[in-house]
Amino acid sequence: MAYSRCGGSPEGASLIFAHSVKEAKPVAWKVMGYWLDGEYTDLAVCLLKNSDHLFSQANQEKLKDGMPHGIETPICCNGCGYWGYEMNKEGYCQDCWE
């Protein structure tokens, strides 16, 4: 996940597929740098653990070839608007579905 540490919306984040944080940061900058208020140093990248379900949103061709890439706007829950959670077939995370 890539996001701005300093500026922009606290909810603003992109989904990045890479082999390491070092590889992910330049990819994230290409994907979302234009909408960050800060500089490259304000961009943060972190690993999302236990989130294998997010691989379905990857560009499958690039994923297969091991190419790093990003998704500027990942699929969000129809209820809360957050992403990163596993969604049911109606597009809701578990919290919103309950």
Protein backbone atom coordinates (compact mmCIF):
# COMPACT_ATOMS: atom_id res chain seq x y z
CA MET A 1 0.00 0.00 0.00
CA ALA A 2 1.30 3.45 -0.88
CA TYR A 3 0.09 6.68 0.72
CA SER A 4 1.19 10.20 1.64
CA ARG A 5 2.63 10.62 5.12
CA CYS A 6 2.08 14.36 5.22
CA GLY A 7 -0.44 15.66 2.75
CA GLY A 8 -3.56 14.71 0.94
CA SER A 9 -6.52 12.76 2.18
CA PRO A 10 -5.85 10.27 4.99
CA GLU A 11 -7.95 7.75 3.07
CA GLY A 12 -5.96 8.22 -0.14
CA ALA A 13 -3.87 5.16 -0.89
CA SER A 14 -2.96 3.01 -3.86
CA LEU A 15 -2.31 -0.69 -4.22
CA ILE A 16 1.20 -1.57 -5.40
CA PHE A 17 2.48 -4.98 -6.48
CA ALA A 18 6.26 -5.28 -6.11
CA HIS A 19 8.93 -7.58 -4.71
CA SER A 20 10.15 -5.12 -2.07
CA VAL A 21 9.44 -1.72 -0.54
CA LYS A 22 12.47 -0.35 -2.37
CA GLU A 23 10.99 -1.50 -5.68
CA ALA A 24 7.46 -0.38 -4.75
CA LYS A 25 8.18 3.27 -3.97
CA PRO A 26 9.14 4.42 -7.50
CA VAL A 27 6.19 2.47 -8.92
CA ALA A 28 3.90 4.17 -6.41
CA TRP A 29 5.26 7.59 -7.38
CA LYS A 30 4.41 6.92 -11.04
CA VAL A 31 0.91 5.80 -10.08
CA MET A 32 -0.03 8.47 -7.57
CA GLY A 33 2.70 11.13 -7.42
CA TYR A 34 0.58 13.67 -9.32
CA TRP A 35 -2.09 13.77 -6.61
CA LEU A 36 0.23 13.97 -3.63
CA ASP A 37 0.69 17.41 -2.09
CA GLY A 38 4.21 16.69 -0.91
CA GLU A 39 7.49 15.54 -2.26
CA TYR A 40 8.77 12.08 -3.09
CA THR A 41 10.04 11.79 0.49
CA ASP A 42 6.44 12.17 1.76
CA LEU A 43 5.43 8.98 -0.05
CA ALA A 44 5.20 5.94 2.23
CA VAL A 45 4.93 2.29 1.21
CA CYS A 46 4.03 -0.59 3.51
CA LEU A 47 3.38 -4.30 3.21
CA LEU A 48 -0.19 -5.52 3.66
CA LYS A 49 0.00 -8.89 5.39
CA ASN A 50 -2.67 -11.60 5.06
CA SER A 51 -4.13 -9.88 2.01
CA ASP A 52 -3.74 -12.49 -0.72
CA HIS A 53 -7.25 -11.66 -1.95
CA LEU A 54 -5.86 -8.37 -3.34
CA PHE A 55 -3.88 -10.26 -6.01
CA SER A 56 -7.14 -10.62 -7.96
CA GLN A 57 -6.95 -6.85 -8.63
CA ALA A 58 -3.45 -7.04 -10.11
CA ASN A 59 -2.76 -6.89 -13.81
CA GLN A 60 -2.53 -10.66 -14.22
CA GLU A 61 -0.13 -10.45 -17.18
CA LYS A 62 2.30 -8.23 -15.26
CA LEU A 63 1.89 -10.32 -12.12
CA LYS A 64 2.70 -13.49 -14.06
CA ASP A 65 5.80 -11.84 -15.57
CA GLY A 66 6.91 -10.54 -12.15
CA MET A 67 6.61 -6.89 -13.27
CA PRO A 68 5.95 -4.34 -10.52
CA HIS A 69 2.86 -2.21 -11.08
CA GLY A 70 0.17 -0.31 -9.24
CA ILE A 71 -3.58 0.17 -9.04
CA GLU A 72 -4.43 3.82 -8.44
CA THR A 73 -7.99 3.12 -7.33
CA PRO A 74 -8.47 -0.37 -5.87
CA ILE A 75 -11.95 -1.87 -5.55
CA CYS A 76 -13.67 -0.36 -2.50
CA CYS A 77 -16.48 -1.56 -0.26
CA ASN A 78 -19.91 -0.32 -1.37
CA GLY A 79 -20.71 0.53 2.25
CA CYS A 80 -17.72 2.15 3.92
CA GLY A 81 -15.68 3.03 0.82
CA TYR A 82 -12.46 1.49 2.16
CA TRP A 83 -10.38 -1.05 0.27
CA GLY A 84 -8.08 -3.83 1.37
CA TYR A 85 -10.77 -6.01 2.86
CA GLU A 86 -12.15 -9.13 1.29
CA MET A 87 -15.50 -8.31 -0.32
CA ASN A 88 -18.55 -10.50 -0.73
CA LYS A 89 -20.25 -10.92 -4.12
CA GLU A 90 -22.38 -7.81 -3.49
CA GLY A 91 -19.24 -5.71 -2.95
CA TYR A 92 -19.37 -5.25 0.85
CA CYS A 93 -16.68 -5.95 3.45
CA GLN A 94 -17.58 -8.15 6.40
CA ASP A 95 -18.17 -5.21 8.74
CA CYS A 96 -20.63 -3.53 6.39
CA TRP A 97 -22.37 -6.76 5.44
CA GLU A 98 -23.08 -7.52 9.10
